[in-house]
Amino acid sequence: MSWYIAITNPNCHRRAEGGLAELGYRAFWPKYRKWASHARVKVAKEYPILGRYLFVEIPDRNFWAVRSVNGVEALLTGDNGAPAVVQEKQVWSFRERYMSGEWDFVAQERVPTGARVKIMEGEFADMLAVVRRRHRGKLEFVMAGKFHYTNESNVRAA
């Protein structure tokens, strides 16, 4: 299979990936995940590792169809002016590292105060909450006007 590098419009990785999928092309862009703060609430967000680049598999070599996808600006070209081929093992190396969680800084860190989380088990299972503070080794959150506590292992980033 032939993999190439597409250059996306700024902040259009998801749009380009969706458009390529509609045409039947596989696309992959390695991302890292970290806590981002907005309005005093921390939320887990994903950001591209390779800037505006994403890998796309084009088995039929129909480069014009890929270039016409909304969100794709161009294909990275080599010295001869043709789209540059990326070795499949390099793409799979990035995929394996992404899937192993190497760039998931949310899972590697403690849950910070102000983080928006999803409660996994118990009375408030599948509900969203904001961590207020740590108290005696547990996370404190407010639900229905009352303070409640849960273990850090019982929450996931929302």
N, C-alpha and C. Protein backbone atom coordinates (compact mmCIF):
# COMPACT_ATOMS: atom_id res chain seq x y z
N MET A 1 0.83 -1.18 0.00
CA MET A 1 0.00 0.00 0.00
C MET A 1 0.88 1.25 0.00
N SER A 2 0.38 2.30 -0.61
CA SER A 2 1.14 3.54 -0.72
C SER A 2 0.56 4.60 0.21
N TRP A 3 1.39 5.08 1.12
CA TRP A 3 1.00 6.13 2.05
C TRP A 3 1.67 7.43 1.62
N TYR A 4 0.95 8.53 1.79
CA TYR A 4 1.45 9.85 1.42
C TYR A 4 1.14 10.81 2.58
N ILE A 5 1.70 11.99 2.51
CA ILE A 5 1.44 13.01 3.52
C ILE A 5 0.61 14.12 2.91
N ALA A 6 -0.55 14.35 3.51
CA ALA A 6 -1.41 15.46 3.08
C ALA A 6 -1.18 16.63 4.02
N ILE A 7 -1.20 17.83 3.46
CA ILE A 7 -1.12 19.05 4.25
C ILE A 7 -2.54 19.56 4.40
N THR A 8 -2.98 19.74 5.63
CA THR A 8 -4.35 20.18 5.87
C THR A 8 -4.41 21.69 6.03
N ASN A 9 -5.60 22.23 5.87
CA ASN A 9 -5.81 23.62 6.23
C ASN A 9 -5.66 23.73 7.74
N PRO A 10 -5.36 24.92 8.27
CA PRO A 10 -5.18 25.05 9.72
C PRO A 10 -6.40 24.54 10.50
N ASN A 11 -6.13 23.69 11.48
CA ASN A 11 -7.16 23.13 12.37
C ASN A 11 -8.24 22.33 11.64
N CYS A 12 -7.89 21.69 10.54
CA CYS A 12 -8.88 20.94 9.75
C CYS A 12 -8.56 19.45 9.67
N HIS A 13 -7.82 18.90 10.62
CA HIS A 13 -7.49 17.48 10.58
C HIS A 13 -8.72 16.60 10.59
N ARG A 14 -9.65 16.87 11.48
CA ARG A 14 -10.85 16.03 11.58
C ARG A 14 -11.71 16.14 10.33
N ARG A 15 -11.84 17.35 9.81
CA ARG A 15 -12.64 17.55 8.59
C ARG A 15 -12.02 16.80 7.42
N ALA A 16 -10.70 16.89 7.28
CA ALA A 16 -10.01 16.20 6.19
C ALA A 16 -10.10 14.69 6.36
N GLU A 17 -9.93 14.21 7.58
CA GLU A 17 -10.01 12.78 7.85
C GLU A 17 -11.40 12.24 7.51
N GLY A 18 -12.45 12.99 7.87
CA GLY A 18 -13.82 12.57 7.55
C GLY A 18 -14.09 12.57 6.06
N GLY A 19 -13.62 13.60 5.36
CA GLY A 19 -13.80 13.67 3.91
C GLY A 19 -13.07 12.56 3.19
N LEU A 20 -11.87 12.23 3.64
CA LEU A 20 -11.12 11.14 3.03
C LEU A 20 -11.80 9.80 3.29
N ALA A 21 -12.36 9.63 4.48
CA ALA A 21 -13.07 8.38 4.80
C ALA A 21 -14.30 8.22 3.91
N GLU A 22 -14.99 9.32 3.62
CA GLU A 22 -16.16 9.25 2.73
C GLU A 22 -15.79 8.75 1.34
N LEU A 23 -14.56 9.07 0.91
CA LEU A 23 -14.10 8.61 -0.40
C LEU A 23 -13.47 7.22 -0.34
N GLY A 24 -13.33 6.66 0.86
CA GLY A 24 -12.77 5.33 1.01
C GLY A 24 -11.27 5.29 1.25
N TYR A 25 -10.67 6.41 1.61
CA TYR A 25 -9.24 6.46 1.89
C TYR A 25 -9.01 6.43 3.40
N ARG A 26 -7.99 5.69 3.81
CA ARG A 26 -7.62 5.67 5.23
C ARG A 26 -6.70 6.83 5.52
N ALA A 27 -6.95 7.50 6.62
CA ALA A 27 -6.11 8.61 7.05
C ALA A 27 -5.77 8.44 8.52
N PHE A 28 -4.62 8.95 8.90
CA PHE A 28 -4.19 8.88 10.30
C PHE A 28 -3.33 10.08 10.62
N TRP A 29 -3.61 10.71 11.74
CA TRP A 29 -2.76 11.80 12.23
C TRP A 29 -2.50 11.57 13.70
N PRO A 30 -1.23 11.37 14.06
CA PRO A 30 -0.91 11.13 15.46
C PRO A 30 -1.19 12.37 16.30
N LYS A 31 -1.76 12.15 17.48
CA LYS A 31 -2.15 13.26 18.33
C LYS A 31 -1.67 13.02 19.75
N TYR A 32 -1.48 14.11 20.47
CA TYR A 32 -1.21 13.99 21.90
C TYR A 32 -2.39 14.58 22.64
N ARG A 33 -2.59 14.10 23.86
CA ARG A 33 -3.74 14.53 24.66
C ARG A 33 -3.22 15.16 25.94
N LYS A 34 -3.75 16.32 26.28
CA LYS A 34 -3.34 16.99 27.50
C LYS A 34 -4.53 17.76 28.07
N TRP A 35 -4.37 18.22 29.30
CA TRP A 35 -5.41 19.02 29.95
C TRP A 35 -5.33 20.43 29.42
N ALA A 36 -6.45 21.00 29.03
CA ALA A 36 -6.53 22.39 28.59
C ALA A 36 -7.56 23.09 29.47
N SER A 37 -7.29 24.33 29.81
CA SER A 37 -8.17 25.06 30.71
C SER A 37 -9.01 26.05 29.92
N HIS A 38 -10.31 26.05 30.23
CA HIS A 38 -11.22 26.99 29.61
C HIS A 38 -12.30 27.33 30.65
N ALA A 39 -12.44 28.60 30.97
CA ALA A 39 -13.42 29.06 31.94
C ALA A 39 -13.26 28.34 33.28
N ARG A 40 -12.02 28.20 33.71
CA ARG A 40 -11.64 27.58 34.99
C ARG A 40 -11.96 26.09 35.07
N VAL A 41 -12.28 25.48 33.97
CA VAL A 41 -12.53 24.04 33.92
C VAL A 41 -11.48 23.41 33.01
N LYS A 42 -10.86 22.35 33.47
CA LYS A 42 -9.86 21.65 32.67
C LYS A 42 -10.53 20.52 31.89
N VAL A 43 -10.24 20.48 30.61
CA VAL A 43 -10.84 19.49 29.71
C VAL A 43 -9.71 18.79 28.96
N ALA A 44 -9.84 17.48 28.75
CA ALA A 44 -8.86 16.74 27.96
C ALA A 44 -9.05 17.08 26.49
N LYS A 45 -7.99 17.55 25.83
CA LYS A 45 -8.06 17.92 24.41
C LYS A 45 -6.95 17.22 23.64
N GLU A 46 -7.21 16.97 22.37
CA GLU A 46 -6.21 16.35 21.50
C GLU A 46 -5.64 17.39 20.55
N TYR A 47 -4.33 17.31 20.33
CA TYR A 47 -3.63 18.21 19.44
C TYR A 47 -2.75 17.39 18.49
N PRO A 48 -2.59 17.83 17.23
CA PRO A 48 -1.75 17.06 16.29
C PRO A 48 -0.27 17.16 16.65
N ILE A 49 0.43 16.05 16.53
CA ILE A 49 1.86 16.03 16.80
C ILE A 49 2.64 16.60 15.62
N LEU A 50 2.18 16.33 14.42
CA LEU A 50 2.93 16.72 13.22
C LEU A 50 2.40 18.02 12.58
N GLY A 51 1.85 18.90 13.37
CA GLY A 51 1.35 20.16 12.82
C GLY A 51 0.19 19.92 11.87
N ARG A 52 0.32 20.41 10.65
CA ARG A 52 -0.77 20.33 9.67
C ARG A 52 -0.68 19.10 8.78
N TYR A 53 0.17 18.14 9.11
CA TYR A 53 0.34 16.96 8.28
C TYR A 53 -0.52 15.80 8.77
N LEU A 54 -1.02 15.01 7.82
CA LEU A 54 -1.65 13.74 8.16
C LEU A 54 -1.29 12.72 7.10
N PHE A 55 -1.23 11.46 7.51
CA PHE A 55 -0.91 10.37 6.60
C PHE A 55 -2.19 9.92 5.92
N VAL A 56 -2.10 9.65 4.63
CA VAL A 56 -3.26 9.15 3.88
C VAL A 56 -2.80 8.03 2.95
N GLU A 57 -3.57 6.95 2.95
CA GLU A 57 -3.27 5.81 2.08
C GLU A 57 -4.06 5.98 0.79
N ILE A 58 -3.33 6.03 -0.34
CA ILE A 58 -3.96 6.24 -1.65
C ILE A 58 -3.59 5.07 -2.55
N PRO A 59 -4.31 3.94 -2.45
CA PRO A 59 -3.93 2.77 -3.24
C PRO A 59 -4.16 2.95 -4.74
N ASP A 60 -5.15 3.77 -5.13
CA ASP A 60 -5.45 3.93 -6.55
C ASP A 60 -4.68 5.09 -7.19
N ARG A 61 -3.85 5.78 -6.40
CA ARG A 61 -3.02 6.91 -6.86
C ARG A 61 -3.86 8.02 -7.49
N ASN A 62 -5.09 8.19 -7.02
CA ASN A 62 -5.97 9.26 -7.49
C ASN A 62 -5.73 10.50 -6.62
N PHE A 63 -4.63 11.19 -6.92
CA PHE A 63 -4.21 12.33 -6.10
C PHE A 63 -5.18 13.50 -6.19
N TRP A 64 -5.82 13.66 -7.35
CA TRP A 64 -6.75 14.79 -7.50
C TRP A 64 -7.97 14.64 -6.60
N ALA A 65 -8.44 13.41 -6.41
CA ALA A 65 -9.58 13.20 -5.51
C ALA A 65 -9.21 13.57 -4.08
N VAL A 66 -8.00 13.23 -3.67
CA VAL A 66 -7.55 13.56 -2.31
C VAL A 66 -7.40 15.06 -2.16
N ARG A 67 -6.84 15.72 -3.16
CA ARG A 67 -6.64 17.18 -3.08
C ARG A 67 -7.96 17.94 -3.06
N SER A 68 -9.03 17.35 -3.59
CA SER A 68 -10.30 18.04 -3.64
C SER A 68 -11.11 17.91 -2.35
N VAL A 69 -10.62 17.14 -1.39
CA VAL A 69 -11.33 16.94 -0.13
C VAL A 69 -11.28 18.24 0.68
N ASN A 70 -12.42 18.59 1.26
CA ASN A 70 -12.50 19.78 2.10
C ASN A 70 -11.59 19.60 3.31
N GLY A 71 -10.66 20.50 3.51
CA GLY A 71 -9.70 20.43 4.61
C GLY A 71 -8.31 20.06 4.16
N VAL A 72 -8.17 19.50 2.96
CA VAL A 72 -6.85 19.15 2.43
C VAL A 72 -6.37 20.28 1.54
N GLU A 73 -5.21 20.81 1.88
CA GLU A 73 -4.64 21.91 1.09
C GLU A 73 -3.80 21.38 -0.05
N ALA A 74 -2.96 20.36 0.21
CA ALA A 74 -2.06 19.83 -0.81
C ALA A 74 -1.49 18.51 -0.34
N LEU A 75 -0.75 17.87 -1.22
CA LEU A 75 0.04 16.69 -0.85
C LEU A 75 1.50 17.10 -0.83
N LEU A 76 2.24 16.58 0.14
CA LEU A 76 3.67 16.88 0.23
C LEU A 76 4.38 16.24 -0.95
N THR A 77 5.20 17.00 -1.65
CA THR A 77 5.86 16.50 -2.86
C THR A 77 7.34 16.25 -2.59
N GLY A 78 7.90 15.37 -3.41
CA GLY A 78 9.32 15.05 -3.34
C GLY A 78 10.12 15.93 -4.28
N ASP A 79 11.36 15.56 -4.53
CA ASP A 79 12.27 16.33 -5.39
C ASP A 79 11.79 16.38 -6.84
N ASN A 80 11.09 15.33 -7.28
CA ASN A 80 10.66 15.27 -8.68
C ASN A 80 9.30 15.95 -8.91
N GLY A 81 8.70 16.53 -7.86
CA GLY A 81 7.43 17.21 -8.00
C GLY A 81 6.22 16.32 -7.81
N ALA A 82 6.42 15.01 -7.74
CA ALA A 82 5.33 14.07 -7.51
C ALA A 82 5.12 13.91 -6.00
N PRO A 83 3.93 13.50 -5.57
CA PRO A 83 3.70 13.28 -4.14
C PRO A 83 4.71 12.28 -3.57
N ALA A 84 5.27 12.62 -2.42
CA ALA A 84 6.30 11.79 -1.79
C ALA A 84 5.66 10.60 -1.07
N VAL A 85 6.20 9.42 -1.32
CA VAL A 85 5.71 8.19 -0.70
C VAL A 85 6.34 8.05 0.69
N VAL A 86 5.54 7.64 1.66
CA VAL A 86 6.02 7.37 3.02
C VAL A 86 6.01 5.86 3.21
N GLN A 87 7.06 5.34 3.82
CA GLN A 87 7.11 3.90 4.04
C GLN A 87 6.02 3.49 5.03
N GLU A 88 5.39 2.38 4.72
CA GLU A 88 4.29 1.90 5.54
C GLU A 88 4.73 1.62 6.97
N LYS A 89 5.95 1.15 7.16
CA LYS A 89 6.42 0.83 8.51
C LYS A 89 6.55 2.10 9.36
N GLN A 90 6.81 3.25 8.75
CA GLN A 90 6.87 4.50 9.51
C GLN A 90 5.48 4.90 9.99
N VAL A 91 4.48 4.75 9.14
CA VAL A 91 3.11 5.07 9.52
C VAL A 91 2.67 4.14 10.65
N TRP A 92 2.95 2.84 10.52
CA TRP A 92 2.55 1.88 11.55
C TRP A 92 3.30 2.12 12.85
N SER A 93 4.51 2.60 12.77
CA SER A 93 5.26 2.93 13.99
C SER A 93 4.56 4.06 14.74
N PHE A 94 4.12 5.09 14.02
CA PHE A 94 3.37 6.17 14.65
C PHE A 94 2.06 5.65 15.24
N ARG A 95 1.38 4.78 14.52
CA ARG A 95 0.09 4.23 15.00
C ARG A 95 0.28 3.42 16.27
N GLU A 96 1.31 2.59 16.30
CA GLU A 96 1.57 1.77 17.49
C GLU A 96 1.89 2.64 18.70
N ARG A 97 2.70 3.68 18.49
CA ARG A 97 3.05 4.58 19.59
C ARG A 97 1.82 5.34 20.08
N TYR A 98 0.95 5.74 19.16
CA TYR A 98 -0.28 6.43 19.54
C TYR A 98 -1.19 5.49 20.32
N MET A 99 -1.39 4.28 19.82
CA MET A 99 -2.29 3.33 20.46
C MET A 99 -1.76 2.87 21.83
N SER A 100 -0.45 2.87 22.02
CA SER A 100 0.11 2.47 23.32
C SER A 100 -0.03 3.57 24.36
N GLY A 101 -0.46 4.77 23.93
CA GLY A 101 -0.66 5.86 24.87
C GLY A 101 0.59 6.66 25.18
N GLU A 102 1.59 6.57 24.32
CA GLU A 102 2.85 7.28 24.57
C GLU A 102 2.64 8.79 24.68
N TRP A 103 1.67 9.32 23.97
CA TRP A 103 1.44 10.77 23.98
C TRP A 103 0.17 11.16 24.72
N ASP A 104 -0.36 10.26 25.54
CA ASP A 104 -1.56 10.55 26.32
C ASP A 104 -1.16 11.06 27.70
N PHE A 105 -0.92 12.35 27.80
CA PHE A 105 -0.46 12.94 29.05
C PHE A 105 -1.59 13.05 30.07
N VAL A 106 -2.82 12.95 29.63
CA VAL A 106 -3.96 12.96 30.55
C VAL A 106 -3.96 11.69 31.39
N ALA A 107 -3.73 10.55 30.76
CA ALA A 107 -3.73 9.27 31.49
C ALA A 107 -2.49 9.13 32.36
N GLN A 108 -1.40 9.80 32.00
CA GLN A 108 -0.15 9.67 32.75
C GLN A 108 -0.09 10.57 33.98
N GLU A 109 -0.96 11.56 34.07
CA GLU A 109 -0.93 12.51 35.17
C GLU A 109 -2.08 12.26 36.14
N ARG A 110 -1.97 12.85 37.31
CA ARG A 110 -3.09 12.82 38.25
C ARG A 110 -4.18 13.74 37.74
N VAL A 111 -5.41 13.46 38.14
CA VAL A 111 -6.53 14.29 37.73
C VAL A 111 -6.42 15.63 38.45
N PRO A 112 -6.33 16.75 37.72
CA PRO A 112 -6.15 18.06 38.37
C PRO A 112 -7.46 18.62 38.91
N THR A 113 -7.34 19.53 39.84
CA THR A 113 -8.50 20.26 40.34
C THR A 113 -9.10 21.07 39.20
N GLY A 114 -10.40 21.04 39.08
CA GLY A 114 -11.08 21.75 38.00
C GLY A 114 -11.30 20.92 36.75
N ALA A 115 -10.88 19.64 36.77
CA ALA A 115 -11.01 18.79 35.59
C ALA A 115 -12.45 18.32 35.41
N ARG A 116 -12.92 18.33 34.18
CA ARG A 116 -14.23 17.76 33.86
C ARG A 116 -14.04 16.27 33.65
N VAL A 117 -14.76 15.47 34.44
CA VAL A 117 -14.58 14.02 34.41
C VAL A 117 -15.93 13.32 34.28
N LYS A 118 -15.85 12.07 33.87
CA LYS A 118 -17.04 11.21 33.81
C LYS A 118 -16.88 10.17 34.91
N ILE A 119 -17.89 10.03 35.74
CA ILE A 119 -17.89 9.04 36.82
C ILE A 119 -18.23 7.68 36.18
N MET A 120 -17.45 6.67 36.50
CA MET A 120 -17.60 5.38 35.84
C MET A 120 -18.53 4.41 36.58
N GLU A 121 -18.50 4.41 37.92
CA GLU A 121 -19.30 3.45 38.68
C GLU A 121 -19.97 4.12 39.85
N GLY A 122 -20.95 3.44 40.41
CA GLY A 122 -21.59 3.91 41.62
C GLY A 122 -22.87 4.67 41.35
N GLU A 123 -23.26 5.43 42.35
CA GLU A 123 -24.53 6.16 42.32
C GLU A 123 -24.60 7.15 41.15
N PHE A 124 -23.47 7.74 40.79
CA PHE A 124 -23.44 8.75 39.74
C PHE A 124 -22.79 8.24 38.45
N ALA A 125 -22.88 6.96 38.19
CA ALA A 125 -22.26 6.36 37.01
C ALA A 125 -22.75 7.05 35.74
N ASP A 126 -21.84 7.29 34.82
CA ASP A 126 -22.09 7.89 33.51
C ASP A 126 -22.48 9.37 33.58
N MET A 127 -22.28 10.00 34.72
CA MET A 127 -22.58 11.43 34.85
C MET A 127 -21.27 12.22 34.77
N LEU A 128 -21.39 13.47 34.32
CA LEU A 128 -20.24 14.35 34.25
C LEU A 128 -20.17 15.21 35.50
N ALA A 129 -18.95 15.49 35.94
CA ALA A 129 -18.74 16.32 37.13
C ALA A 129 -17.44 17.08 36.96
N VAL A 130 -17.26 18.10 37.79
CA VAL A 130 -16.02 18.87 37.82
C VAL A 130 -15.37 18.64 39.18
N VAL A 131 -14.09 18.24 39.16
CA VAL A 131 -13.37 17.98 40.40
C VAL A 131 -13.16 19.29 41.14
N ARG A 132 -13.62 19.36 42.37
CA ARG A 132 -13.50 20.57 43.18
C ARG A 132 -12.17 20.63 43.92
N ARG A 133 -11.73 19.49 44.49
CA ARG A 133 -10.46 19.43 45.22
C ARG A 133 -10.18 17.99 45.58
N ARG A 134 -9.01 17.76 46.14
CA ARG A 134 -8.64 16.46 46.71
C ARG A 134 -8.85 16.55 48.21
N HIS A 135 -9.48 15.53 48.75
CA HIS A 135 -9.75 15.52 50.19
C HIS A 135 -9.54 14.11 50.71
N ARG A 136 -8.52 13.94 51.57
CA ARG A 136 -8.20 12.64 52.18
C ARG A 136 -7.99 11.56 51.13
N GLY A 137 -7.29 11.89 50.08
CA GLY A 137 -6.96 10.91 49.05
C GLY A 137 -8.05 10.63 48.04
N LYS A 138 -9.15 11.34 48.13
CA LYS A 138 -10.26 11.13 47.18
C LYS A 138 -10.54 12.44 46.45
N LEU A 139 -11.24 12.32 45.34
CA LEU A 139 -11.64 13.50 44.56
C LEU A 139 -13.01 13.97 45.03
N GLU A 140 -13.13 15.26 45.24
CA GLU A 140 -14.41 15.82 45.68
C GLU A 140 -15.09 16.48 44.49
N PHE A 141 -16.40 16.25 44.36
CA PHE A 141 -17.19 16.89 43.31
C PHE A 141 -18.56 17.22 43.88
N VAL A 142 -19.25 18.14 43.25
CA VAL A 142 -20.58 18.54 43.69
C VAL A 142 -21.61 17.96 42.73
N MET A 143 -22.63 17.31 43.29
CA MET A 143 -23.70 16.75 42.47
C MET A 143 -25.00 16.95 43.26
N ALA A 144 -25.99 17.53 42.64
CA ALA A 144 -27.29 17.78 43.26
C ALA A 144 -27.14 18.63 44.52
N GLY A 145 -26.23 19.59 44.49
CA GLY A 145 -26.06 20.53 45.60
C GLY A 145 -25.32 19.98 46.80
N LYS A 146 -24.80 18.74 46.71
CA LYS A 146 -24.08 18.15 47.83
C LYS A 146 -22.68 17.74 47.38
N PHE A 147 -21.76 17.73 48.36
CA PHE A 147 -20.41 17.27 48.09
C PHE A 147 -20.38 15.75 48.13
N HIS A 148 -19.69 15.17 47.14
CA HIS A 148 -19.52 13.72 47.08
C HIS A 148 -18.07 13.43 46.81
N TYR A 149 -17.64 12.20 47.11
CA TYR A 149 -16.24 11.82 46.96
C TYR A 149 -16.16 10.51 46.21
N THR A 150 -15.07 10.37 45.45
CA THR A 150 -14.82 9.12 44.73
C THR A 150 -13.33 8.94 44.56
N ASN A 151 -12.93 7.71 44.28
CA ASN A 151 -11.51 7.42 44.02
C ASN A 151 -11.12 7.93 42.65
N GLU A 152 -9.85 8.25 42.49
CA GLU A 152 -9.35 8.72 41.20
C GLU A 152 -9.50 7.64 40.13
N SER A 153 -9.43 6.39 40.51
CA SER A 153 -9.56 5.30 39.53
C SER A 153 -10.99 5.15 39.01
N ASN A 154 -11.94 5.85 39.62
CA ASN A 154 -13.34 5.75 39.23
C ASN A 154 -13.76 6.85 38.24
N VAL A 155 -12.82 7.66 37.78
CA VAL A 155 -13.16 8.74 36.86
C VAL A 155 -12.31 8.65 35.60
N ARG A 156 -12.85 9.18 34.52
CA ARG A 156 -12.14 9.29 33.24
C ARG A 156 -12.30 10.73 32.74
N ALA A 157 -11.34 11.19 32.00
CA ALA A 157 -11.43 12.54 31.43
C ALA A 157 -12.62 12.62 30.49
N ALA A 158 -13.40 13.67 30.61
CA ALA A 158 -14.60 13.82 29.78
C ALA A 158 -14.31 14.73 28.61
